[in-house]
PDB file of N, CA and C in Angstrom:
ATOM      1  N   MET A   1      79.171 104.121 105.329  1.00  0.00           N
ATOM      2  CA  MET A   1      79.837 105.170 104.793  1.00  0.00           C
ATOM      3  C   MET A   1      81.036 105.359 104.001  1.00  0.00           C
ATOM      4  N   ILE A   2      80.950 105.868 102.962  1.00  0.00           N
ATOM      5  CA  ILE A   2      82.323 105.739 102.044  1.00  0.00           C
ATOM      6  C   ILE A   2      82.578 107.068 102.085  1.00  0.00           C
ATOM      7  N   MET A   3      84.206 107.482 102.140  1.00  0.00           N
ATOM      8  CA  MET A   3      84.651 108.795 102.114  1.00  0.00           C
ATOM      9  C   MET A   3      85.281 108.991 100.990  1.00  0.00           C
ATOM     10  N   VAL A   4      85.366 109.857 100.142  1.00  0.00           N
ATOM     11  CA  VAL A   4      86.116 110.027  98.839  1.00  0.00           C
ATOM     12  C   VAL A   4      87.032 110.923  99.200  1.00  0.00           C
ATOM     13  N   ILE A   5      88.225 110.278  98.663  1.00  0.00           N
ATOM     14  CA  ILE A   5      89.571 111.372  98.951  1.00  0.00           C
ATOM     15  C   ILE A   5      90.341 111.490  97.536  1.00  0.00           C
ATOM     16  N   MET A   6      90.846 112.657  97.182  1.00  0.00           N
ATOM     17  CA  MET A   6      91.429 112.640  96.026  1.00  0.00           C
ATOM     18  C   MET A   6      93.002 112.534  96.156  1.00  0.00           C
ATOM     19  N   MET A   7      93.713 111.737  95.578  1.00  0.00           N
ATOM     20  CA  MET A   7      95.076 111.421  95.573  1.00  0.00           C
ATOM     21  C   MET A   7      95.847 112.295  94.920  1.00  0.00           C
ATOM     22  N   ASN A   8      96.867 113.035  95.208  1.00  0.00           N
ATOM     23  CA  ASN A   8      97.848 113.650  94.453  1.00  0.00           C
ATOM     24  C   ASN A   8      99.081 113.067  94.535  1.00  0.00           C
ATOM     25  N   ASP A   9      99.533 112.170  93.318  1.00  0.00           N
ATOM     26  CA  ASP A   9     100.693 111.236  93.366  1.00  0.00           C
ATOM     27  C   ASP A   9     101.778 112.470  92.764  1.00  0.00           C
ATOM     28  N   SER A  10     101.801 113.570  92.662  1.00  0.00           N
ATOM     29  CA  SER A  10     102.767 114.186  92.124  1.00  0.00           C
ATOM     30  C   SER A  10     104.163 114.183  92.851  1.00  0.00           C
ATOM     31  N   ARG A  11     104.166 113.678  94.008  1.00  0.00           N
ATOM     32  CA  ARG A  11     105.447 113.406  94.904  1.00  0.00           C
ATOM     33  C   ARG A  11     105.941 112.185  94.792  1.00  0.00           C
ATOM     34  N   LEU A  12     105.212 111.160  94.367  1.00  0.00           N
ATOM     35  CA  LEU A  12     105.828 109.935  94.180  1.00  0.00           C
ATOM     36  C   LEU A  12     106.811 110.144  92.822  1.00  0.00           C
ATOM     37  N   ASN A  13     107.913 110.336  93.227  1.00  0.00           N
ATOM     38  CA  ASN A  13     108.844 110.681  91.959  1.00  0.00           C
ATOM     39  C   ASN A  13     109.881 109.688  91.677  1.00  0.00           C
ATOM     40  N   ARG A  14     110.098 108.755  92.800  1.00  0.00           N
ATOM     41  CA  ARG A  14     111.382 107.764  92.889  1.00  0.00           C
ATOM     42  C   ARG A  14     110.961 106.557  93.139  1.00  0.00           C
ATOM     43  N   LEU A  15     111.363 105.441  92.784  1.00  0.00           N
ATOM     44  CA  LEU A  15     111.076 104.020  93.082  1.00  0.00           C
ATOM     45  C   LEU A  15     110.920 103.761  94.606  1.00  0.00           C
ATOM     46  N   ALA A  16     111.987 104.385  95.390  1.00  0.00           N
ATOM     47  CA  ALA A  16     111.963 104.064  96.663  1.00  0.00           C
ATOM     48  C   ALA A  16     110.820 104.533  97.293  1.00  0.00           C
ATOM     49  N   GLN A  17     110.023 105.663  96.830  1.00  0.00           N
ATOM     50  CA  GLN A  17     108.829 106.371  97.261  1.00  0.00           C
ATOM     51  C   GLN A  17     107.836 105.356  97.030  1.00  0.00           C
ATOM     52  N   ILE A  18     107.924 104.710  95.927  1.00  0.00           N
ATOM     53  CA  ILE A  18     106.696 103.914  95.395  1.00  0.00           C
ATOM     54  C   ILE A  18     106.828 102.602  96.274  1.00  0.00           C
ATOM     55  N   LYS A  19     107.687 102.086  96.571  1.00  0.00           N
ATOM     56  CA  LYS A  19     108.016 100.806  97.391  1.00  0.00           C
ATOM     57  C   LYS A  19     107.375 101.136  98.812  1.00  0.00           C
ATOM     58  N   SER A  20     107.665 102.520  99.244  1.00  0.00           N
ATOM     59  CA  SER A  20     107.275 102.855 100.648  1.00  0.00           C
ATOM     60  C   SER A  20     105.919 103.101 100.565  1.00  0.00           C
ATOM     61  N   PHE A  21     105.016 103.725  99.544  1.00  0.00           N
ATOM     62  CA  PHE A  21     103.875 103.701  99.525  1.00  0.00           C
ATOM     63  C   PHE A  21     103.096 102.436  99.455  1.00  0.00           C
ATOM     64  N   LEU A  22     103.539 101.408  98.665  1.00  0.00           N
ATOM     65  CA  LEU A  22     102.847 100.347  98.423  1.00  0.00           C
ATOM     66  C   LEU A  22     102.840  99.465  99.991  1.00  0.00           C
ATOM     67  N   SER A  23     104.151  99.579 100.795  1.00  0.00           N
ATOM     68  CA  SER A  23     104.288  99.063 102.233  1.00  0.00           C
ATOM     69  C   SER A  23     103.235  99.472 103.281  1.00  0.00           C
ATOM     70  N   GLU A  24     102.926 101.085 102.875  1.00  0.00           N
ATOM     71  CA  GLU A  24     102.176 101.468 103.914  1.00  0.00           C
ATOM     72  C   GLU A  24     100.982 101.672 103.812  1.00  0.00           C
ATOM     73  N   SER A  25     100.479 101.332 102.634  1.00  0.00           N
ATOM     74  CA  SER A  25      98.880 101.558 102.062  1.00  0.00           C
ATOM     75  C   SER A  25      98.127  99.912 101.727  1.00  0.00           C
ATOM     76  N   GLU A  26      98.537  99.278 102.755  1.00  0.00           N
ATOM     77  CA  GLU A  26      98.088  97.878 102.503  1.00  0.00           C
ATOM     78  C   GLU A  26      96.618  98.017 103.010  1.00  0.00           C
ATOM     79  N   ALA A  27      96.087  98.587 103.894  1.00  0.00           N
ATOM     80  CA  ALA A  27      94.694  98.683 104.424  1.00  0.00           C
ATOM     81  C   ALA A  27      93.737  99.556 103.627  1.00  0.00           C
ATOM     82  N   VAL A  28      94.445 100.286 102.727  1.00  0.00           N
ATOM     83  CA  VAL A  28      93.709 101.477 102.053  1.00  0.00           C
ATOM     84  C   VAL A  28      93.212 100.665 100.576  1.00  0.00           C
ATOM     85  N   GLU A  29      92.009 100.876 100.040  1.00  0.00           N
ATOM     86  CA  GLU A  29      91.505 100.174  99.062  1.00  0.00           C
ATOM     87  C   GLU A  29      90.990 101.485  98.216  1.00  0.00           C
ATOM     88  N   PHE A  30      91.561 101.181  96.836  1.00  0.00           N
ATOM     89  CA  PHE A  30      91.317 102.230  95.701  1.00  0.00           C
ATOM     90  C   PHE A  30      90.239 101.745  94.703  1.00  0.00           C
ATOM     91  N   LYS A  31      89.787 102.869  94.408  1.00  0.00           N
ATOM     92  CA  LYS A  31      88.555 102.672  93.397  1.00  0.00           C
ATOM     93  C   LYS A  31      88.799 103.805  92.126  1.00  0.00           C
ATOM     94  N   LYS A  32      88.655 103.452  91.166  1.00  0.00           N
ATOM     95  CA  LYS A  32      88.563 104.387  90.092  1.00  0.00           C
ATOM     96  C   LYS A  32      87.529 104.962  89.536  1.00  0.00           C
ATOM     97  N   LYS A  33      87.228 106.361  88.898  1.00  0.00           N
ATOM     98  CA  LYS A  33      86.027 107.037  88.557  1.00  0.00           C
ATOM     99  C   LYS A  33      85.755 106.117  87.359  1.00  0.00           C
ATOM    100  N   SER A  34      86.770 106.254  86.256  1.00  0.00           N
ATOM    101  CA  SER A  34      86.363 105.512  85.015  1.00  0.00           C
ATOM    102  C   SER A  34      87.616 105.042  84.489  1.00  0.00           C
ATOM    103  N   LYS A  35      87.280 104.241  83.194  1.00  0.00           N
ATOM    104  CA  LYS A  35      88.472 103.657  82.657  1.00  0.00           C
ATOM    105  C   LYS A  35      89.385 104.584  81.851  1.00  0.00           C
ATOM    106  N   LYS A  36      88.720 105.656  81.395  1.00  0.00           N
ATOM    107  CA  LYS A  36      89.459 106.972  80.734  1.00  0.00           C
ATOM    108  C   LYS A  36      90.560 107.450  81.592  1.00  0.00           C
ATOM    109  N   GLU A  37      89.926 107.900  82.619  1.00  0.00           N
ATOM    110  CA  GLU A  37      90.769 108.297  83.817  1.00  0.00           C
ATOM    111  C   GLU A  37      91.827 107.408  84.330  1.00  0.00           C
ATOM    112  N   ALA A  38      91.731 106.179  84.418  1.00  0.00           N
ATOM    113  CA  ALA A  38      92.239 105.013  84.977  1.00  0.00           C
ATOM    114  C   ALA A  38      93.442 105.137  84.090  1.00  0.00           C
ATOM    115  N   TYR A  39      93.170 104.895  82.560  1.00  0.00           N
ATOM    116  CA  TYR A  39      94.214 104.750  81.371  1.00  0.00           C
ATOM    117  C   TYR A  39      95.206 105.782  81.540  1.00  0.00           C
ATOM    118  N   TYR A  40      94.499 107.142  81.554  1.00  0.00           N
ATOM    119  CA  TYR A  40      95.512 108.447  81.718  1.00  0.00           C
ATOM    120  C   TYR A  40      96.661 108.193  82.752  1.00  0.00           C
ATOM    121  N   TRP A  41      96.117 107.936  83.792  1.00  0.00           N
ATOM    122  CA  TRP A  41      96.931 108.159  85.017  1.00  0.00           C
ATOM    123  C   TRP A  41      97.882 106.850  84.869  1.00  0.00           C
ATOM    124  N   ILE A  42      97.488 105.649  84.072  1.00  0.00           N
ATOM    125  CA  ILE A  42      98.498 104.663  84.069  1.00  0.00           C
ATOM    126  C   ILE A  42      99.532 104.988  82.922  1.00  0.00           C
ATOM    127  N   LYS A  43      99.057 105.609  81.862  1.00  0.00           N
ATOM    128  CA  LYS A  43     100.219 106.076  81.177  1.00  0.00           C
ATOM    129  C   LYS A  43     101.134 106.982  81.594  1.00  0.00           C
ATOM    130  N   GLU A  44     100.480 108.255  82.207  1.00  0.00           N
ATOM    131  CA  GLU A  44     101.086 109.158  82.918  1.00  0.00           C
ATOM    132  C   GLU A  44     102.379 108.749  83.776  1.00  0.00           C
ATOM    133  N   THR A  45     102.038 107.729  84.640  1.00  0.00           N
ATOM    134  CA  THR A  45     102.825 107.136  85.354  1.00  0.00           C
ATOM    135  C   THR A  45     104.188 106.124  84.972  1.00  0.00           C
ATOM    136  N   LEU A  46     103.512 105.530  83.834  1.00  0.00           N
ATOM    137  CA  LEU A  46     104.591 104.752  82.935  1.00  0.00           C
ATOM    138  C   LEU A  46     105.766 105.620  82.402  1.00  0.00           C
ATOM    139  N   ARG A  47     104.973 106.899  81.850  1.00  0.00           N
ATOM    140  CA  ARG A  47     105.948 107.958  81.038  1.00  0.00           C
ATOM    141  C   ARG A  47     106.979 108.620  82.301  1.00  0.00           C
ATOM    142  N   LYS A  48     106.197 109.079  83.308  1.00  0.00           N
ATOM    143  CA  LYS A  48     107.021 109.898  84.421  1.00  0.00           C
ATOM    144  C   LYS A  48     108.182 108.977  84.866  1.00  0.00           C
ATOM    145  N   PHE A  49     107.921 107.499  85.036  1.00  0.00           N
ATOM    146  CA  PHE A  49     109.124 106.428  85.686  1.00  0.00           C
ATOM    147  C   PHE A  49     110.006 105.839  84.329  1.00  0.00           C
ATOM    148  N   THR A  50     109.545 106.442  83.094  1.00  0.00           N
ATOM    149  CA  THR A  50     110.411 105.783  81.992  1.00  0.00           C
ATOM    150  C   THR A  50     110.425 104.333  82.093  1.00  0.00           C
ATOM    151  N   TYR A  51     109.246 103.798  82.244  1.00  0.00           N
ATOM    152  CA  TYR A  51     108.991 102.226  82.458  1.00  0.00           C
ATOM    153  C   TYR A  51     109.960 101.528  81.117  1.00  0.00           C
ATOM    154  N   VAL A  52     110.050 101.840  80.157  1.00  0.00           N
ATOM    155  CA  VAL A  52     110.725 101.069  79.078  1.00  0.00           C
ATOM    156  C   VAL A  52     111.826 100.616  79.401  1.00  0.00           C
ATOM    157  N   ILE A  53     112.662 101.671  80.399  1.00  0.00           N
ATOM    158  CA  ILE A  53     114.156 101.284  80.504  1.00  0.00           C
ATOM    159  C   ILE A  53     114.426 100.820  82.007  1.00  0.00           C
ATOM    160  N   LEU A  54     113.436 100.549  82.413  1.00  0.00           N
ATOM    161  CA  LEU A  54     113.596  99.975  83.947  1.00  0.00           C
ATOM    162  C   LEU A  54     113.838  98.482  83.936  1.00  0.00           C
ATOM    163  N   SER A  55     114.424  97.935  85.120  1.00  0.00           N
ATOM    164  CA  SER A  55     114.967  96.781  85.188  1.00  0.00           C
ATOM    165  C   SER A  55     113.613  95.886  85.418  1.00  0.00           C
ATOM    166  N   LYS A  56     113.947  94.720  85.251  1.00  0.00           N
ATOM    167  CA  LYS A  56     112.615  93.723  85.443  1.00  0.00           C
ATOM    168  C   LYS A  56     112.034  93.880  86.603  1.00  0.00           C
ATOM    169  N   LYS A  57     112.785  94.100  87.879  1.00  0.00           N
ATOM    170  CA  LYS A  57     112.363  94.380  89.358  1.00  0.00           C
ATOM    171  C   LYS A  57     111.675  95.795  89.436  1.00  0.00           C
ATOM    172  N   GLU A  58     112.336  96.591  88.823  1.00  0.00           N
ATOM    173  CA  GLU A  58     111.545  97.941  88.748  1.00  0.00           C
ATOM    174  C   GLU A  58     110.490  97.936  88.282  1.00  0.00           C
ATOM    175  N   LYS A  59     110.211  97.267  87.033  1.00  0.00           N
ATOM    176  CA  LYS A  59     109.067  97.456  86.284  1.00  0.00           C
ATOM    177  C   LYS A  59     107.889  96.512  87.258  1.00  0.00           C
ATOM    178  N   GLY A  60     108.532  95.594  87.922  1.00  0.00           N
ATOM    179  CA  GLY A  60     107.589  94.856  88.904  1.00  0.00           C
ATOM    180  C   GLY A  60     106.803  95.768  89.843  1.00  0.00           C
ATOM    181  N   LEU A  61     107.908  96.768  90.468  1.00  0.00           N
ATOM    182  CA  LEU A  61     107.570  97.563  91.465  1.00  0.00           C
ATOM    183  C   LEU A  61     106.261  98.622  91.214  1.00  0.00           C
ATOM    184  N   ILE A  62     106.572  98.937  89.808  1.00  0.00           N
ATOM    185  CA  ILE A  62     105.767 100.268  89.163  1.00  0.00           C
ATOM    186  C   ILE A  62     104.079  99.034  88.852  1.00  0.00           C
ATOM    187  N   ARG A  63     104.516  98.025  88.282  1.00  0.00           N
ATOM    188  CA  ARG A  63     103.339  97.230  87.855  1.00  0.00           C
ATOM    189  C   ARG A  63     102.311  96.918  89.313  1.00  0.00           C
ATOM    190  N   ARG A  64     103.122  96.790  90.540  1.00  0.00           N
ATOM    191  CA  ARG A  64     102.537  96.443  91.682  1.00  0.00           C
ATOM    192  C   ARG A  64     101.746  97.641  92.112  1.00  0.00           C
ATOM    193  N   CYS A  65     102.001  98.876  91.885  1.00  0.00           N
ATOM    194  CA  CYS A  65     101.397 100.234  92.251  1.00  0.00           C
ATOM    195  C   CYS A  65     100.491 100.486  91.288  1.00  0.00           C
ATOM    196  N   LEU A  66     100.445 100.231  90.016  1.00  0.00           N
ATOM    197  CA  LEU A  66      99.296 100.143  89.140  1.00  0.00           C
ATOM    198  C   LEU A  66      98.236  99.253  89.682  1.00  0.00           C
ATOM    199  N   ILE A  67      98.606  98.279  89.878  1.00  0.00           N
ATOM    200  CA  ILE A  67      97.347  97.226  90.091  1.00  0.00           C
ATOM    201  C   ILE A  67      96.868  97.802  91.430  1.00  0.00           C
ATOM    202  N   LYS A  68      97.715  98.195  92.448  1.00  0.00           N
ATOM    203  CA  LYS A  68      96.907  98.770  93.843  1.00  0.00           C
ATOM    204  C   LYS A  68      96.072  99.634  93.411  1.00  0.00           C
ATOM    205  N   ILE A  69      96.453 100.814  92.735  1.00  0.00           N
ATOM    206  CA  ILE A  69      95.527 101.815  92.657  1.00  0.00           C
ATOM    207  C   ILE A  69      94.263 101.806  91.608  1.00  0.00           C
ATOM    208  N   THR A  70      94.669 101.195  90.441  1.00  0.00           N
ATOM    209  CA  THR A  70      93.594 100.961  89.440  1.00  0.00           C
ATOM    210  C   THR A  70      92.677  99.760  89.673  1.00  0.00           C
ATOM    211  N   GLY A  71      92.809  98.871  90.454  1.00  0.00           N
ATOM    212  CA  GLY A  71      92.275  97.662  90.918  1.00  0.00           C
ATOM    213  C   GLY A  71      92.123  96.577  89.690  1.00  0.00           C
ATOM    214  N   TYR A  72      93.101  97.104  88.920  1.00  0.00           N
ATOM    215  CA  TYR A  72      93.309  95.841  87.540  1.00  0.00           C
ATOM    216  C   TYR A  72      94.160  95.046  88.199  1.00  0.00           C
ATOM    217  N   SER A  73      94.089  93.727  87.238  1.00  0.00           N
ATOM    218  CA  SER A  73      94.982  92.419  87.557  1.00  0.00           C
ATOM    219  C   SER A  73      96.043  92.897  86.805  1.00  0.00           C
ATOM    220  N   ARG A  74      97.257  91.875  87.112  1.00  0.00           N
ATOM    221  CA  ARG A  74      98.292  92.137  86.103  1.00  0.00           C
ATOM    222  C   ARG A  74      97.926  91.718  84.568  1.00  0.00           C
ATOM    223  N   ASP A  75      97.030  90.711  84.286  1.00  0.00           N
ATOM    224  CA  ASP A  75      96.390  90.256  83.172  1.00  0.00           C
ATOM    225  C   ASP A  75      95.729  91.522  82.591  1.00  0.00           C
ATOM    226  N   GLN A  76      95.049  92.025  83.335  1.00  0.00           N
ATOM    227  CA  GLN A  76      94.004  93.108  82.576  1.00  0.00           C
ATOM    228  C   GLN A  76      94.928  94.592  82.349  1.00  0.00           C
ATOM    229  N   LEU A  77      96.007  94.650  82.879  1.00  0.00           N
ATOM    230  CA  LEU A  77      96.859  95.511  82.102  1.00  0.00           C
ATOM    231  C   LEU A  77      97.573  95.036  81.282  1.00  0.00           C
ATOM    232  N   THR A  78      98.059  93.832  81.048  1.00  0.00           N
ATOM    233  CA  THR A  78      98.965  93.260  79.706  1.00  0.00           C
ATOM    234  C   THR A  78      97.825  93.164  78.897  1.00  0.00           C
ATOM    235  N   ARG A  79      96.630  92.520  78.939  1.00  0.00           N
ATOM    236  CA  ARG A  79      95.617  92.493  77.870  1.00  0.00           C
ATOM    237  C   ARG A  79      95.187  93.693  77.242  1.00  0.00           C
ATOM    238  N   GLN A  80      95.156  94.588  77.941  1.00  0.00           N
ATOM    239  CA  GLN A  80      94.847  96.043  77.666  1.00  0.00           C
ATOM    240  C   GLN A  80      95.935  96.836  76.728  1.00  0.00           C
ATOM    241  N   SER A  81      97.108  96.123  76.656  1.00  0.00           N
ATOM    242  CA  SER A  81      98.257  96.733  75.995  1.00  0.00           C
ATOM    243  C   SER A  81      98.733  97.932  76.640  1.00  0.00           C
ATOM    244  N   ILE A  82      98.482  98.237  78.032  1.00  0.00           N
ATOM    245  CA  ILE A  82      98.699  99.231  78.677  1.00  0.00           C
ATOM    246  C   ILE A  82     100.087  99.165  79.202  1.00  0.00           C
ATOM    247  N   ILE A  83     100.702  98.109  79.484  1.00  0.00           N
ATOM    248  CA  ILE A  83     101.862  97.609  79.752  1.00  0.00           C
ATOM    249  C   ILE A  83     102.323  96.531  79.142  1.00  0.00           C
ATOM    250  N   SER A  84     103.601  96.347  78.807  1.00  0.00           N
ATOM    251  CA  SER A  84     103.924  95.162  78.260  1.00  0.00           C
ATOM    252  C   SER A  84     104.479  94.274  79.441  1.00  0.00           C
ATOM    253  N   LYS A  85     104.497  92.846  79.256  1.00  0.00           N
ATOM    254  CA  LYS A  85     105.291  92.111  80.356  1.00  0.00           C
ATOM    255  C   LYS A  85     106.717  92.258  80.497  1.00  0.00           C
TER     256      LYS A  85
END
């Protein structure tokens, strides 16, 4: 049996919250509905955290979150020009 849960990430506003989320959600698997929704969510997340001005370590944290939630690999995110290295 599969249970569908809608995730509201509006309260994930600080990098410390992202770090905590990643460590506490290891047993949870996420699936995206569509590429279009996934790309929209990724772009909004990058904008919300002003990805372009983050340090390398902070960018890695955001990248891990994107990978966890979308199921895309690091290479897929980069190849699709969604995020830069």
